[in-house]
């Protein structure tokens, strides 16, 4: 009988521990989601230093227009492999609305493609 009560107490304790672990994970996921929503609303994360290689570049209309090769002289150099004409294009960092998992632009895809440049120096005067 004592062994049965001990087993039941251990099982109940394990159930409580499992429930607490699940609740903790759920809380952490919700908190991360809330932080991301706040960042989007207030525009936090649009700092150029947050831009990393291989991030997708997304226009304001939601269209992917390229992939970051690297930052060069204050401009974003896009990979040529993801370019429709297989050459590097540059966009000014001033076009960046925010950076999260992707680089989000203030321009739609048509305007971004029409305005991208052939070198980083050209981006210095663009806005």
N, C-alpha and C. Protein backbone atom coordinates (compact mmCIF):
# COMPACT_ATOMS: atom_id res chain seq x y z
N UNK A 1 0.82 -1.19 0.00
CA UNK A 1 0.00 0.00 0.00
C UNK A 1 0.87 1.26 0.00
N UNK A 2 1.91 1.27 0.84
CA UNK A 2 2.80 2.42 0.93
C UNK A 2 3.49 2.66 -0.41
N UNK A 3 3.86 1.59 -1.05
CA UNK A 3 4.51 1.70 -2.36
C UNK A 3 3.57 2.30 -3.39
N UNK A 4 2.32 1.96 -3.35
CA UNK A 4 1.33 2.48 -4.27
C UNK A 4 1.14 3.98 -4.06
N UNK A 5 1.06 4.41 -2.80
CA UNK A 5 0.91 5.84 -2.51
C UNK A 5 2.16 6.62 -2.97
N UNK A 6 3.32 6.02 -2.74
CA UNK A 6 4.57 6.66 -3.16
C UNK A 6 4.60 6.80 -4.67
N UNK A 7 4.22 5.77 -5.40
CA UNK A 7 4.19 5.81 -6.86
C UNK A 7 3.20 6.87 -7.35
N UNK A 8 2.05 6.93 -6.70
CA UNK A 8 1.05 7.92 -7.09
C UNK A 8 1.56 9.33 -6.86
N UNK A 9 2.24 9.54 -5.74
CA UNK A 9 2.79 10.87 -5.43
C UNK A 9 3.87 11.25 -6.45
N UNK A 10 4.70 10.29 -6.81
CA UNK A 10 5.74 10.56 -7.82
C UNK A 10 5.12 10.86 -9.18
N UNK A 11 4.09 10.12 -9.55
CA UNK A 11 3.40 10.37 -10.82
C UNK A 11 2.75 11.75 -10.83
N UNK A 12 2.12 12.10 -9.70
CA UNK A 12 1.48 13.42 -9.61
C UNK A 12 2.53 14.52 -9.69
N UNK A 13 3.64 14.33 -9.02
CA UNK A 13 4.72 15.32 -9.07
C UNK A 13 5.26 15.48 -10.48
N UNK A 14 5.43 14.38 -11.18
CA UNK A 14 5.92 14.43 -12.56
C UNK A 14 4.91 15.14 -13.46
N UNK A 15 3.62 14.90 -13.25
CA UNK A 15 2.57 15.56 -14.04
C UNK A 15 2.60 17.07 -13.81
N UNK A 16 2.80 17.48 -12.56
CA UNK A 16 2.89 18.91 -12.25
C UNK A 16 4.13 19.52 -12.93
N UNK A 17 5.24 18.83 -12.86
CA UNK A 17 6.48 19.32 -13.49
C UNK A 17 6.31 19.43 -15.00
N UNK A 18 5.69 18.45 -15.62
CA UNK A 18 5.45 18.50 -17.07
C UNK A 18 4.53 19.65 -17.45
N UNK A 19 3.47 19.87 -16.65
CA UNK A 19 2.53 20.96 -16.92
C UNK A 19 3.23 22.31 -16.78
N UNK A 20 4.08 22.45 -15.78
CA UNK A 20 4.81 23.71 -15.58
C UNK A 20 5.79 23.96 -16.73
N UNK A 21 6.43 22.91 -17.20
CA UNK A 21 7.37 23.04 -18.32
C UNK A 21 6.63 23.48 -19.58
N UNK A 22 5.48 22.87 -19.85
CA UNK A 22 4.68 23.23 -21.02
C UNK A 22 4.19 24.68 -20.91
N UNK A 23 3.73 25.05 -19.73
CA UNK A 23 3.25 26.43 -19.52
C UNK A 23 4.40 27.42 -19.72
N UNK A 24 5.56 27.09 -19.25
CA UNK A 24 6.73 27.96 -19.42
C UNK A 24 7.09 28.15 -20.88
N UNK A 25 7.08 27.07 -21.65
CA UNK A 25 7.36 27.15 -23.08
C UNK A 25 6.32 28.00 -23.80
N UNK A 26 5.05 27.79 -23.46
CA UNK A 26 3.98 28.58 -24.08
C UNK A 26 4.13 30.06 -23.77
N UNK A 27 4.45 30.37 -22.52
CA UNK A 27 4.64 31.76 -22.11
C UNK A 27 5.81 32.39 -22.86
N UNK A 28 6.91 31.66 -22.99
CA UNK A 28 8.08 32.18 -23.71
C UNK A 28 7.75 32.44 -25.18
N UNK A 29 7.01 31.54 -25.81
CA UNK A 29 6.62 31.73 -27.22
C UNK A 29 5.73 32.95 -27.38
N UNK A 30 4.79 33.13 -26.46
CA UNK A 30 3.90 34.30 -26.53
C UNK A 30 4.67 35.59 -26.30
N UNK A 31 5.60 35.57 -25.38
CA UNK A 31 6.40 36.77 -25.11
C UNK A 31 7.25 37.13 -26.32
N UNK A 32 7.84 36.14 -26.97
CA UNK A 32 8.64 36.40 -28.17
C UNK A 32 7.78 36.98 -29.28
N UNK A 33 6.59 36.45 -29.44
CA UNK A 33 5.67 36.95 -30.44
C UNK A 33 5.25 38.39 -30.13
N UNK A 34 5.00 38.68 -28.87
CA UNK A 34 4.61 40.04 -28.47
C UNK A 34 5.75 41.02 -28.72
N UNK A 35 6.96 40.63 -28.42
CA UNK A 35 8.12 41.50 -28.66
C UNK A 35 8.24 41.79 -30.16
N UNK A 36 8.05 40.80 -30.99
CA UNK A 36 8.14 40.99 -32.44
C UNK A 36 7.05 41.95 -32.93
N UNK A 37 5.83 41.82 -32.41
CA UNK A 37 4.75 42.72 -32.80
C UNK A 37 5.05 44.16 -32.38
N UNK A 38 5.59 44.33 -31.18
CA UNK A 38 5.94 45.68 -30.72
C UNK A 38 7.04 46.27 -31.61
N UNK A 39 8.04 45.47 -31.93
CA UNK A 39 9.12 45.95 -32.81
C UNK A 39 8.56 46.41 -34.15
N UNK A 40 7.63 45.65 -34.71
CA UNK A 40 7.03 46.03 -35.99
C UNK A 40 6.26 47.33 -35.86
N UNK A 41 5.49 47.48 -34.77
CA UNK A 41 4.65 48.66 -34.59
C UNK A 41 5.46 49.94 -34.38
N UNK A 42 6.54 49.85 -33.64
CA UNK A 42 7.31 51.06 -33.32
C UNK A 42 8.51 51.25 -34.23
N UNK A 43 8.74 50.33 -35.15
CA UNK A 43 9.84 50.48 -36.10
C UNK A 43 11.20 50.16 -35.54
N UNK A 44 11.26 49.45 -34.42
CA UNK A 44 12.55 49.06 -33.86
C UNK A 44 13.14 47.98 -34.74
N UNK A 45 14.41 48.03 -34.95
CA UNK A 45 15.05 46.99 -35.74
C UNK A 45 15.34 47.41 -37.16
N UNK A 46 15.27 48.73 -37.44
CA UNK A 46 15.57 49.16 -38.80
C UNK A 46 17.01 49.65 -38.91
N UNK A 47 17.83 49.33 -37.93
CA UNK A 47 19.21 49.73 -37.95
C UNK A 47 19.99 48.91 -38.99
N UNK A 48 20.78 49.58 -39.83
CA UNK A 48 21.54 48.85 -40.85
C UNK A 48 22.47 47.78 -40.28
N UNK A 49 22.98 47.98 -39.06
CA UNK A 49 23.88 46.97 -38.50
C UNK A 49 23.16 45.65 -38.23
N UNK A 50 21.83 45.66 -38.24
CA UNK A 50 21.05 44.43 -38.03
C UNK A 50 20.93 43.61 -39.32
N UNK A 51 21.35 44.18 -40.44
CA UNK A 51 21.27 43.49 -41.73
C UNK A 51 22.42 42.50 -41.83
N UNK A 52 22.09 41.28 -42.20
CA UNK A 52 23.10 40.22 -42.30
C UNK A 52 23.06 39.57 -43.68
N UNK A 53 24.18 38.96 -44.04
CA UNK A 53 24.26 38.24 -45.30
C UNK A 53 23.17 37.18 -45.38
N UNK A 54 22.67 36.97 -46.58
CA UNK A 54 21.70 35.93 -46.91
C UNK A 54 20.29 36.20 -46.40
N UNK A 55 20.02 37.41 -45.89
CA UNK A 55 18.65 37.77 -45.51
C UNK A 55 17.87 38.06 -46.78
N UNK A 56 16.61 37.64 -46.81
CA UNK A 56 15.74 38.02 -47.92
C UNK A 56 15.41 39.50 -47.81
N UNK A 57 15.30 40.15 -48.95
CA UNK A 57 14.90 41.56 -49.01
C UNK A 57 13.48 41.59 -49.55
N UNK A 58 12.57 42.13 -48.74
CA UNK A 58 11.15 42.10 -49.04
C UNK A 58 10.65 43.53 -49.27
N UNK A 59 10.01 43.76 -50.41
CA UNK A 59 9.45 45.07 -50.73
C UNK A 59 8.20 45.30 -49.88
N UNK A 60 7.75 46.56 -49.83
CA UNK A 60 6.59 46.91 -49.00
C UNK A 60 5.32 46.18 -49.43
N UNK A 61 5.27 45.73 -50.68
CA UNK A 61 4.10 45.00 -51.18
C UNK A 61 4.16 43.52 -50.82
N UNK A 62 5.27 43.09 -50.19
CA UNK A 62 5.40 41.69 -49.78
C UNK A 62 6.19 40.82 -50.74
N UNK A 63 6.64 41.39 -51.85
CA UNK A 63 7.39 40.64 -52.85
C UNK A 63 8.87 40.58 -52.48
N UNK A 64 9.45 39.38 -52.56
CA UNK A 64 10.89 39.24 -52.35
C UNK A 64 11.59 39.77 -53.60
N UNK A 65 12.49 40.75 -53.39
CA UNK A 65 13.20 41.30 -54.55
C UNK A 65 14.66 40.90 -54.61
N UNK A 66 15.15 40.20 -53.60
CA UNK A 66 16.54 39.78 -53.63
C UNK A 66 16.99 39.22 -52.30
N UNK A 67 18.30 38.97 -52.23
CA UNK A 67 18.94 38.43 -51.04
C UNK A 67 20.18 39.27 -50.77
N UNK A 68 20.42 39.58 -49.50
CA UNK A 68 21.58 40.39 -49.14
C UNK A 68 22.86 39.60 -49.41
N UNK A 69 23.76 40.21 -50.19
CA UNK A 69 25.11 39.68 -50.35
C UNK A 69 25.92 40.19 -49.16
N UNK A 70 25.99 41.52 -49.02
CA UNK A 70 26.62 42.15 -47.86
C UNK A 70 26.36 43.66 -47.90
N UNK A 71 26.73 44.34 -46.82
CA UNK A 71 26.67 45.80 -46.80
C UNK A 71 27.97 46.33 -47.38
N UNK A 72 27.85 47.37 -48.19
CA UNK A 72 29.04 47.96 -48.81
C UNK A 72 28.85 49.47 -48.88
N UNK A 73 29.69 50.20 -48.18
CA UNK A 73 29.68 51.67 -48.21
C UNK A 73 28.30 52.25 -47.95
N UNK A 74 27.59 51.72 -46.97
CA UNK A 74 26.28 52.24 -46.61
C UNK A 74 25.15 51.81 -47.52
N UNK A 75 25.40 50.83 -48.35
CA UNK A 75 24.37 50.31 -49.25
C UNK A 75 24.26 48.80 -49.08
N UNK A 76 23.11 48.27 -49.48
CA UNK A 76 22.90 46.83 -49.45
C UNK A 76 23.20 46.28 -50.84
N UNK A 77 24.19 45.42 -50.91
CA UNK A 77 24.52 44.75 -52.17
C UNK A 77 23.71 43.46 -52.21
N UNK A 78 22.93 43.28 -53.28
CA UNK A 78 22.13 42.08 -53.44
C UNK A 78 22.91 41.03 -54.21
N UNK A 79 22.64 39.77 -53.93
CA UNK A 79 23.33 38.69 -54.64
C UNK A 79 22.93 38.68 -56.10
N UNK A 80 23.88 38.34 -56.95
CA UNK A 80 23.56 38.29 -58.38
C UNK A 80 22.80 37.01 -58.72
N UNK A 81 22.96 35.95 -57.93
CA UNK A 81 22.27 34.70 -58.22
C UNK A 81 20.75 34.83 -58.09
N UNK A 82 20.30 35.77 -57.25
CA UNK A 82 18.87 35.97 -57.06
C UNK A 82 18.34 37.14 -57.87
N UNK A 83 19.17 37.67 -58.74
CA UNK A 83 18.79 38.81 -59.58
C UNK A 83 18.24 38.32 -60.92
N UNK A 84 17.21 38.97 -61.45
CA UNK A 84 16.65 38.53 -62.72
C UNK A 84 17.64 38.62 -63.89
N UNK A 85 18.60 39.57 -63.79
CA UNK A 85 19.58 39.72 -64.87
C UNK A 85 20.97 39.20 -64.49
N UNK A 86 21.05 38.51 -63.35
CA UNK A 86 22.28 37.87 -62.88
C UNK A 86 23.44 38.84 -62.67
N UNK A 87 23.12 40.07 -62.25
CA UNK A 87 24.17 41.02 -61.86
C UNK A 87 23.83 41.57 -60.48
N UNK A 88 24.85 42.07 -59.79
CA UNK A 88 24.63 42.68 -58.48
C UNK A 88 23.88 43.99 -58.64
N UNK A 89 22.97 44.23 -57.71
CA UNK A 89 22.27 45.51 -57.63
C UNK A 89 22.47 46.03 -56.21
N UNK A 90 22.39 47.34 -56.06
CA UNK A 90 22.57 47.98 -54.77
C UNK A 90 21.33 48.79 -54.43
N UNK A 91 20.98 48.78 -53.15
CA UNK A 91 19.88 49.63 -52.69
C UNK A 91 20.36 50.38 -51.45
N UNK A 92 19.92 51.63 -51.32
CA UNK A 92 20.34 52.41 -50.15
C UNK A 92 19.70 51.87 -48.86
N UNK A 93 20.44 51.97 -47.78
CA UNK A 93 19.88 51.55 -46.49
C UNK A 93 18.75 52.48 -46.06
N UNK A 94 18.65 53.66 -46.65
CA UNK A 94 17.56 54.57 -46.32
C UNK A 94 16.20 54.02 -46.77
N UNK A 95 16.20 53.01 -47.62
CA UNK A 95 14.96 52.38 -48.06
C UNK A 95 14.46 51.34 -47.06
N UNK A 96 15.24 51.05 -46.04
CA UNK A 96 14.88 50.01 -45.08
C UNK A 96 13.84 50.52 -44.09
N UNK A 97 12.72 49.82 -44.03
CA UNK A 97 11.67 50.15 -43.07
C UNK A 97 11.97 49.50 -41.72
N UNK A 98 12.37 48.22 -41.77
CA UNK A 98 12.70 47.48 -40.55
C UNK A 98 13.48 46.23 -40.92
N UNK A 99 14.12 45.68 -39.91
CA UNK A 99 14.86 44.44 -40.08
C UNK A 99 14.43 43.49 -38.99
N UNK A 100 13.98 42.31 -39.39
CA UNK A 100 13.71 41.24 -38.44
C UNK A 100 14.42 40.01 -38.98
N UNK A 101 13.70 39.01 -39.39
CA UNK A 101 14.34 37.87 -40.06
C UNK A 101 14.66 38.23 -41.51
N UNK A 102 14.04 39.29 -41.99
CA UNK A 102 14.21 39.77 -43.36
C UNK A 102 14.49 41.27 -43.32
N UNK A 103 14.90 41.79 -44.45
CA UNK A 103 15.04 43.23 -44.61
C UNK A 103 13.77 43.70 -45.32
N UNK A 104 12.99 44.55 -44.66
CA UNK A 104 11.74 45.05 -45.21
C UNK A 104 11.96 46.47 -45.71
N UNK A 105 11.53 46.73 -46.94
CA UNK A 105 11.74 48.04 -47.56
C UNK A 105 10.51 48.93 -47.46
N UNK A 106 10.75 50.23 -47.62
CA UNK A 106 9.65 51.20 -47.67
C UNK A 106 9.09 51.31 -49.07
N UNK A 107 9.77 50.75 -50.06
CA UNK A 107 9.35 50.84 -51.46
C UNK A 107 8.72 49.54 -51.93
N UNK A 108 7.77 49.65 -52.86
CA UNK A 108 7.19 48.44 -53.42
C UNK A 108 8.19 47.83 -54.41
N UNK A 109 7.91 46.63 -54.87
CA UNK A 109 8.88 45.90 -55.71
C UNK A 109 9.18 46.62 -57.01
N UNK A 110 8.17 47.19 -57.62
CA UNK A 110 8.37 47.90 -58.89
C UNK A 110 9.29 49.10 -58.70
N UNK A 111 9.01 49.91 -57.69
CA UNK A 111 9.84 51.09 -57.43
C UNK A 111 11.26 50.69 -57.03
N UNK A 112 11.38 49.65 -56.23
CA UNK A 112 12.71 49.20 -55.79
C UNK A 112 13.54 48.72 -56.97
N UNK A 113 12.94 47.92 -57.84
CA UNK A 113 13.68 47.42 -59.01
C UNK A 113 14.03 48.54 -59.98
N UNK A 114 13.12 49.49 -60.09
CA UNK A 114 13.37 50.61 -60.99
C UNK A 114 14.46 51.53 -60.43
N UNK A 115 14.56 51.59 -59.10
CA UNK A 115 15.50 52.51 -58.49
C UNK A 115 16.80 51.91 -58.01
N UNK A 116 16.94 50.56 -58.09
CA UNK A 116 18.20 50.01 -57.60
C UNK A 116 19.34 50.46 -58.48
N UNK A 117 20.54 50.41 -57.92
CA UNK A 117 21.70 51.02 -58.57
C UNK A 117 22.78 50.00 -58.89
N UNK A 118 23.72 50.46 -59.72
CA UNK A 118 24.78 49.56 -60.18
C UNK A 118 25.99 49.53 -59.26
N UNK A 119 26.08 50.50 -58.33
CA UNK A 119 27.22 50.51 -57.40
C UNK A 119 26.82 51.19 -56.09
N UNK A 120 27.62 50.94 -55.07
CA UNK A 120 27.32 51.47 -53.74
C UNK A 120 27.43 52.98 -53.69
N UNK A 121 28.36 53.56 -54.44
CA UNK A 121 28.56 55.00 -54.43
C UNK A 121 27.30 55.75 -54.88
N UNK A 122 26.57 55.18 -55.81
CA UNK A 122 25.34 55.80 -56.31
C UNK A 122 24.26 55.87 -55.24
N UNK A 123 24.34 55.00 -54.26
CA UNK A 123 23.32 54.95 -53.20
C UNK A 123 23.49 56.10 -52.21
N UNK A 124 24.66 56.69 -52.15
CA UNK A 124 24.92 57.74 -51.16
C UNK A 124 23.99 58.93 -51.32
N UNK A 125 23.62 59.26 -52.54
CA UNK A 125 22.75 60.41 -52.75
C UNK A 125 21.28 60.04 -52.91
N UNK A 126 20.99 58.74 -52.89
CA UNK A 126 19.59 58.30 -53.08
C UNK A 126 18.87 58.30 -51.75
N UNK A 127 17.56 58.36 -51.82
CA UNK A 127 16.79 58.35 -50.58
C UNK A 127 15.45 57.76 -50.74
